[in-house]
Amino acid sequence: MLMNAIPILKEILQALKDLYEKGEEYIIYINKLPITPEDRELLLDVLGEGQVKITYSSKTQPAEWKETGIYGVWIGVIKNRDDKPVLETIEITFFPKLASAQKEDVAESIKYLEEKIKEIEEKTSKQEV
């Protein structure tokens, strides 16, 4: 029995329009909504499969995002240590936020790269002497 698939598809459509027209991103937390197996099957059928799959290989919170056949619509699943889904999303975005580099991670990378460059410069300057 269908319960929420059609309202969810309409929500996705509006969010996709907002992404296109205003650049606004949107997330639907699927496992927080009452949906039936039939709802899930219809959603997956209508959205289809895309060509891109992103895997985040963390031991504590592995995650995966799949592009759907609708450009700008991604299905995300974040799991726990036991590989059980804890969060399922439909993200309307050009690229999933959690899959992209986070600001703190970039700051850590800057520090790491600065240290490496300094080490290399020190080694090279000692060899020139």
N, C-alpha and C. Protein backbone atom coordinates (compact mmCIF):
# COMPACT_ATOMS: atom_id res chain seq x y z
N MET A 1 0.83 -1.18 0.00
CA MET A 1 0.00 0.00 0.00
C MET A 1 0.89 1.26 0.00
N LEU A 2 0.57 2.17 -0.90
CA LEU A 2 1.31 3.43 -0.95
C LEU A 2 0.80 4.36 0.15
N MET A 3 1.75 4.99 0.84
CA MET A 3 1.37 5.91 1.91
C MET A 3 1.96 7.30 1.66
N ASN A 4 3.27 7.39 1.44
CA ASN A 4 3.93 8.69 1.33
C ASN A 4 4.80 8.87 0.10
N ALA A 5 4.83 7.92 -0.81
CA ALA A 5 5.71 8.03 -1.98
C ALA A 5 5.38 9.26 -2.83
N ILE A 6 4.12 9.48 -3.10
CA ILE A 6 3.74 10.60 -3.97
C ILE A 6 4.06 11.95 -3.32
N PRO A 7 3.72 12.17 -2.04
CA PRO A 7 4.14 13.43 -1.41
C PRO A 7 5.66 13.60 -1.39
N ILE A 8 6.40 12.51 -1.19
CA ILE A 8 7.86 12.60 -1.19
C ILE A 8 8.36 12.97 -2.58
N LEU A 9 7.79 12.39 -3.62
CA LEU A 9 8.20 12.73 -5.00
C LEU A 9 7.90 14.21 -5.30
N LYS A 10 6.77 14.70 -4.81
CA LYS A 10 6.44 16.12 -5.00
C LYS A 10 7.41 17.02 -4.23
N GLU A 11 7.81 16.57 -3.04
CA GLU A 11 8.79 17.31 -2.24
C GLU A 11 10.14 17.35 -2.97
N ILE A 12 10.52 16.22 -3.56
CA ILE A 12 11.77 16.15 -4.33
C ILE A 12 11.70 17.09 -5.53
N LEU A 13 10.57 17.09 -6.22
CA LEU A 13 10.39 17.96 -7.39
C LEU A 13 10.55 19.43 -7.00
N GLN A 14 9.90 19.85 -5.92
CA GLN A 14 10.01 21.25 -5.49
C GLN A 14 11.44 21.58 -5.08
N ALA A 15 12.08 20.65 -4.36
CA ALA A 15 13.47 20.88 -3.93
C ALA A 15 14.40 20.97 -5.14
N LEU A 16 14.14 20.17 -6.16
CA LEU A 16 14.95 20.20 -7.37
C LEU A 16 14.79 21.53 -8.10
N LYS A 17 13.57 22.04 -8.13
CA LYS A 17 13.33 23.37 -8.71
C LYS A 17 14.07 24.44 -7.93
N ASP A 18 14.03 24.34 -6.59
CA ASP A 18 14.73 25.32 -5.75
C ASP A 18 16.24 25.23 -5.93
N LEU A 19 16.76 24.02 -6.10
CA LEU A 19 18.19 23.85 -6.36
C LEU A 19 18.56 24.53 -7.67
N TYR A 20 17.77 24.29 -8.69
CA TYR A 20 18.05 24.85 -10.02
C TYR A 20 17.92 26.37 -10.04
N GLU A 21 16.84 26.89 -9.45
CA GLU A 21 16.55 28.32 -9.54
C GLU A 21 17.29 29.16 -8.50
N LYS A 22 17.48 28.62 -7.29
CA LYS A 22 18.04 29.42 -6.19
C LYS A 22 19.34 28.87 -5.62
N GLY A 23 19.73 27.66 -6.08
CA GLY A 23 20.94 27.05 -5.54
C GLY A 23 20.74 26.46 -4.15
N GLU A 24 19.49 26.33 -3.70
CA GLU A 24 19.19 25.81 -2.36
C GLU A 24 19.24 24.29 -2.36
N GLU A 25 19.96 23.74 -1.38
CA GLU A 25 20.05 22.29 -1.22
C GLU A 25 19.02 21.83 -0.20
N TYR A 26 18.68 20.54 -0.25
CA TYR A 26 17.61 20.04 0.60
C TYR A 26 17.87 18.57 0.93
N ILE A 27 17.52 18.17 2.15
CA ILE A 27 17.68 16.77 2.55
C ILE A 27 16.37 16.25 3.10
N ILE A 28 16.00 15.05 2.65
CA ILE A 28 14.84 14.34 3.19
C ILE A 28 15.39 13.14 3.96
N TYR A 29 15.04 13.04 5.23
CA TYR A 29 15.51 11.93 6.06
C TYR A 29 14.48 10.80 5.96
N ILE A 30 14.74 9.91 5.03
CA ILE A 30 13.79 8.86 4.68
C ILE A 30 13.46 7.95 5.86
N ASN A 31 14.47 7.55 6.63
CA ASN A 31 14.17 6.61 7.71
C ASN A 31 13.47 7.28 8.89
N LYS A 32 13.23 8.58 8.80
CA LYS A 32 12.48 9.29 9.84
C LYS A 32 11.01 9.45 9.43
N LEU A 33 10.67 9.00 8.22
CA LEU A 33 9.31 9.14 7.72
C LEU A 33 8.60 7.77 7.71
N PRO A 34 7.30 7.79 7.90
CA PRO A 34 6.57 6.53 7.78
C PRO A 34 6.40 6.16 6.30
N ILE A 35 7.17 5.19 5.84
CA ILE A 35 7.01 4.73 4.45
C ILE A 35 6.88 3.21 4.44
N THR A 36 6.10 2.74 3.52
CA THR A 36 5.87 1.31 3.38
C THR A 36 6.90 0.73 2.41
N PRO A 37 7.04 -0.58 2.38
CA PRO A 37 7.92 -1.19 1.36
C PRO A 37 7.50 -0.80 -0.06
N GLU A 38 6.20 -0.64 -0.28
CA GLU A 38 5.71 -0.22 -1.60
C GLU A 38 6.15 1.22 -1.91
N ASP A 39 6.11 2.08 -0.89
CA ASP A 39 6.61 3.46 -1.07
C ASP A 39 8.07 3.43 -1.50
N ARG A 40 8.86 2.68 -0.76
CA ARG A 40 10.30 2.59 -1.03
C ARG A 40 10.55 2.07 -2.45
N GLU A 41 9.82 1.05 -2.82
CA GLU A 41 9.99 0.46 -4.16
C GLU A 41 9.62 1.47 -5.26
N LEU A 42 8.53 2.19 -5.07
CA LEU A 42 8.12 3.19 -6.07
C LEU A 42 9.14 4.33 -6.15
N LEU A 43 9.61 4.81 -5.01
CA LEU A 43 10.61 5.88 -5.01
C LEU A 43 11.86 5.45 -5.78
N LEU A 44 12.37 4.26 -5.47
CA LEU A 44 13.58 3.78 -6.15
C LEU A 44 13.33 3.58 -7.65
N ASP A 45 12.13 3.13 -8.00
CA ASP A 45 11.80 2.91 -9.41
C ASP A 45 11.73 4.24 -10.17
N VAL A 46 11.05 5.23 -9.59
CA VAL A 46 10.90 6.52 -10.27
C VAL A 46 12.25 7.25 -10.34
N LEU A 47 13.01 7.23 -9.25
CA LEU A 47 14.28 7.95 -9.23
C LEU A 47 15.34 7.26 -10.10
N GLY A 48 15.28 5.95 -10.20
CA GLY A 48 16.22 5.23 -11.05
C GLY A 48 17.64 5.26 -10.51
N GLU A 49 18.55 4.75 -11.32
CA GLU A 49 19.96 4.68 -10.93
C GLU A 49 20.79 5.58 -11.83
N GLY A 50 21.72 6.28 -11.22
CA GLY A 50 22.64 7.14 -11.95
C GLY A 50 23.96 6.43 -12.20
N GLN A 51 24.98 7.20 -12.49
CA GLN A 51 26.28 6.64 -12.87
C GLN A 51 27.34 6.80 -11.79
N VAL A 52 27.05 7.57 -10.73
CA VAL A 52 28.07 7.89 -9.74
C VAL A 52 27.72 7.25 -8.40
N LYS A 53 28.73 6.65 -7.78
CA LYS A 53 28.58 6.07 -6.44
C LYS A 53 29.78 6.54 -5.62
N ILE A 54 29.51 7.06 -4.43
CA ILE A 54 30.56 7.55 -3.54
C ILE A 54 30.55 6.68 -2.29
N THR A 55 31.71 6.15 -1.95
CA THR A 55 31.83 5.31 -0.75
C THR A 55 32.78 5.96 0.22
N TYR A 56 32.32 6.12 1.46
CA TYR A 56 33.13 6.67 2.53
C TYR A 56 33.49 5.49 3.43
N SER A 57 34.73 5.06 3.39
CA SER A 57 35.16 3.85 4.08
C SER A 57 35.68 4.14 5.48
N SER A 58 34.79 4.49 6.37
CA SER A 58 35.15 4.73 7.76
C SER A 58 34.83 3.49 8.57
N LYS A 59 35.66 3.19 9.56
CA LYS A 59 35.38 2.03 10.41
C LYS A 59 34.26 2.31 11.38
N THR A 60 34.05 3.58 11.73
CA THR A 60 33.02 3.91 12.70
C THR A 60 31.68 4.28 12.07
N GLN A 61 31.71 4.97 10.93
CA GLN A 61 30.48 5.37 10.26
C GLN A 61 30.62 5.30 8.75
N PRO A 62 30.65 4.08 8.19
CA PRO A 62 30.74 4.00 6.74
C PRO A 62 29.49 4.59 6.09
N ALA A 63 29.67 5.15 4.92
CA ALA A 63 28.53 5.77 4.24
C ALA A 63 28.66 5.57 2.73
N GLU A 64 27.54 5.70 2.07
CA GLU A 64 27.53 5.54 0.62
C GLU A 64 26.45 6.46 0.05
N TRP A 65 26.78 7.11 -1.04
CA TRP A 65 25.83 7.94 -1.76
C TRP A 65 25.77 7.44 -3.19
N LYS A 66 24.56 7.34 -3.71
CA LYS A 66 24.37 6.95 -5.11
C LYS A 66 23.59 8.04 -5.81
N GLU A 67 24.12 8.41 -6.95
CA GLU A 67 23.38 9.35 -7.80
C GLU A 67 22.18 8.58 -8.33
N THR A 68 21.04 9.24 -8.39
CA THR A 68 19.88 8.60 -8.99
C THR A 68 19.86 8.94 -10.48
N GLY A 69 18.87 8.46 -11.18
CA GLY A 69 18.72 8.79 -12.59
C GLY A 69 18.23 10.21 -12.78
N ILE A 70 17.89 10.88 -11.69
CA ILE A 70 17.46 12.28 -11.72
C ILE A 70 18.65 13.12 -11.29
N TYR A 71 19.23 13.87 -12.20
CA TYR A 71 20.40 14.69 -11.86
C TYR A 71 20.08 15.63 -10.71
N GLY A 72 20.97 15.67 -9.72
CA GLY A 72 20.78 16.52 -8.55
C GLY A 72 20.10 15.80 -7.40
N VAL A 73 19.74 14.54 -7.59
CA VAL A 73 19.09 13.77 -6.53
C VAL A 73 19.97 12.58 -6.18
N TRP A 74 20.37 12.50 -4.91
CA TRP A 74 21.27 11.46 -4.42
C TRP A 74 20.59 10.70 -3.29
N ILE A 75 20.87 9.40 -3.22
CA ILE A 75 20.40 8.59 -2.10
C ILE A 75 21.61 8.27 -1.23
N GLY A 76 21.51 8.60 0.06
CA GLY A 76 22.62 8.38 0.98
C GLY A 76 22.25 7.41 2.08
N VAL A 77 23.21 6.60 2.49
CA VAL A 77 23.01 5.68 3.61
C VAL A 77 24.25 5.75 4.49
N ILE A 78 24.04 6.11 5.74
CA ILE A 78 25.12 6.13 6.72
C ILE A 78 24.87 4.96 7.67
N LYS A 79 25.93 4.19 7.92
CA LYS A 79 25.78 2.96 8.72
C LYS A 79 26.56 3.07 10.03
N ASN A 80 26.28 2.14 10.94
CA ASN A 80 27.03 2.08 12.18
C ASN A 80 28.17 1.07 12.05
N ARG A 81 28.88 0.83 13.13
CA ARG A 81 30.01 -0.11 13.11
C ARG A 81 29.62 -1.51 12.66
N ASP A 82 28.37 -1.88 12.92
CA ASP A 82 27.89 -3.21 12.55
C ASP A 82 27.32 -3.26 11.13
N ASP A 83 27.56 -2.20 10.36
CA ASP A 83 27.12 -2.11 8.97
C ASP A 83 25.59 -2.06 8.83
N LYS A 84 24.93 -1.59 9.86
CA LYS A 84 23.47 -1.44 9.82
C LYS A 84 23.15 0.03 9.54
N PRO A 85 22.20 0.30 8.63
CA PRO A 85 21.84 1.69 8.32
C PRO A 85 21.30 2.42 9.54
N VAL A 86 21.84 3.61 9.81
CA VAL A 86 21.33 4.44 10.90
C VAL A 86 20.69 5.71 10.37
N LEU A 87 21.04 6.08 9.14
CA LEU A 87 20.47 7.27 8.53
C LEU A 87 20.37 7.04 7.03
N GLU A 88 19.18 7.25 6.50
CA GLU A 88 18.95 7.14 5.06
C GLU A 88 18.39 8.47 4.58
N THR A 89 19.01 9.00 3.54
CA THR A 89 18.60 10.31 3.05
C THR A 89 18.35 10.31 1.55
N ILE A 90 17.56 11.27 1.14
CA ILE A 90 17.50 11.66 -0.27
C ILE A 90 17.97 13.09 -0.26
N GLU A 91 19.10 13.35 -0.92
CA GLU A 91 19.68 14.69 -0.92
C GLU A 91 19.48 15.32 -2.30
N ILE A 92 18.94 16.51 -2.28
CA ILE A 92 18.78 17.26 -3.51
C ILE A 92 19.88 18.31 -3.49
N THR A 93 20.93 18.02 -4.26
CA THR A 93 22.14 18.83 -4.23
C THR A 93 22.97 18.51 -5.46
N PHE A 94 23.91 19.37 -5.79
CA PHE A 94 24.81 19.08 -6.90
C PHE A 94 25.81 18.00 -6.49
N PHE A 95 26.17 17.99 -5.20
CA PHE A 95 27.11 16.99 -4.67
C PHE A 95 26.80 16.83 -3.18
N PRO A 96 26.69 15.60 -2.68
CA PRO A 96 26.34 15.42 -1.26
C PRO A 96 27.30 16.12 -0.31
N LYS A 97 26.76 16.91 0.61
CA LYS A 97 27.56 17.69 1.55
C LYS A 97 28.51 16.82 2.39
N LEU A 98 27.99 15.74 2.94
CA LEU A 98 28.83 14.91 3.80
C LEU A 98 29.92 14.18 3.04
N ALA A 99 29.75 14.03 1.73
CA ALA A 99 30.78 13.36 0.93
C ALA A 99 31.88 14.33 0.52
N SER A 100 31.61 15.62 0.61
CA SER A 100 32.63 16.60 0.21
C SER A 100 33.55 16.89 1.39
N ALA A 101 34.67 17.50 1.09
CA ALA A 101 35.63 17.84 2.14
C ALA A 101 34.99 18.81 3.12
N GLN A 102 35.19 18.54 4.40
CA GLN A 102 34.67 19.40 5.46
C GLN A 102 35.72 20.45 5.80
N LYS A 103 35.29 21.60 6.27
CA LYS A 103 36.19 22.71 6.54
C LYS A 103 37.30 22.32 7.52
N GLU A 104 36.94 21.59 8.59
CA GLU A 104 37.96 21.20 9.56
C GLU A 104 38.98 20.25 8.96
N ASP A 105 38.53 19.39 8.05
CA ASP A 105 39.44 18.47 7.38
C ASP A 105 40.41 19.22 6.47
N VAL A 106 39.91 20.24 5.79
CA VAL A 106 40.77 21.06 4.94
C VAL A 106 41.81 21.78 5.79
N ALA A 107 41.40 22.30 6.96
CA ALA A 107 42.34 22.98 7.87
C ALA A 107 43.43 22.01 8.31
N GLU A 108 43.05 20.78 8.61
CA GLU A 108 44.02 19.75 9.01
C GLU A 108 44.99 19.45 7.86
N SER A 109 44.46 19.40 6.65
CA SER A 109 45.30 19.13 5.48
C SER A 109 46.29 20.27 5.21
N ILE A 110 45.85 21.50 5.45
CA ILE A 110 46.75 22.65 5.27
C ILE A 110 47.93 22.52 6.22
N LYS A 111 47.63 22.21 7.48
CA LYS A 111 48.68 22.06 8.48
C LYS A 111 49.64 20.94 8.08
N TYR A 112 49.11 19.81 7.67
CA TYR A 112 49.93 18.66 7.26
C TYR A 112 50.83 19.03 6.08
N LEU A 113 50.26 19.67 5.06
CA LEU A 113 51.03 20.02 3.87
C LEU A 113 52.11 21.05 4.19
N GLU A 114 51.79 22.02 5.05
CA GLU A 114 52.79 23.01 5.46
C GLU A 114 53.98 22.32 6.14
N GLU A 115 53.67 21.37 7.03
CA GLU A 115 54.74 20.64 7.73
C GLU A 115 55.59 19.83 6.76
N LYS A 116 54.97 19.18 5.81
CA LYS A 116 55.70 18.37 4.82
C LYS A 116 56.61 19.24 3.96
N ILE A 117 56.09 20.37 3.51
CA ILE A 117 56.90 21.28 2.69
C ILE A 117 58.09 21.78 3.49
N LYS A 118 57.86 22.13 4.76
CA LYS A 118 58.94 22.61 5.62
C LYS A 118 60.02 21.53 5.78
N GLU A 119 59.59 20.27 6.01
CA GLU A 119 60.54 19.15 6.13
C GLU A 119 61.37 18.99 4.87
N ILE A 120 60.72 19.05 3.72
CA ILE A 120 61.41 18.88 2.44
C ILE A 120 62.40 20.03 2.23
N GLU A 121 61.98 21.24 2.52
CA GLU A 121 62.88 22.40 2.36
C GLU A 121 64.10 22.27 3.27
N GLU A 122 63.88 21.83 4.50
CA GLU A 122 65.00 21.65 5.43
C GLU A 122 65.98 20.58 4.94
N LYS A 123 65.44 19.47 4.43
CA LYS A 123 66.29 18.40 3.90
C LYS A 123 67.08 18.90 2.70
N THR A 124 66.42 19.64 1.82
CA THR A 124 67.09 20.12 0.60
C THR A 124 68.16 21.16 0.92
N SER A 125 67.87 22.01 1.90
CA SER A 125 68.85 23.05 2.23
C SER A 125 70.10 22.42 2.89
N LYS A 126 69.93 21.34 3.64
CA LYS A 126 71.07 20.65 4.25
C LYS A 126 71.92 19.95 3.18
N GLN A 127 71.28 19.46 2.15
CA GLN A 127 72.01 18.76 1.07
C GLN A 127 72.81 19.76 0.23
N GLU A 128 72.36 20.99 0.14
CA GLU A 128 73.04 22.00 -0.67
C GLU A 128 74.30 22.52 0.00
N VAL A 129 74.37 22.34 1.30
CA VAL A 129 75.54 22.88 2.05
C VAL A 129 76.74 21.99 1.88
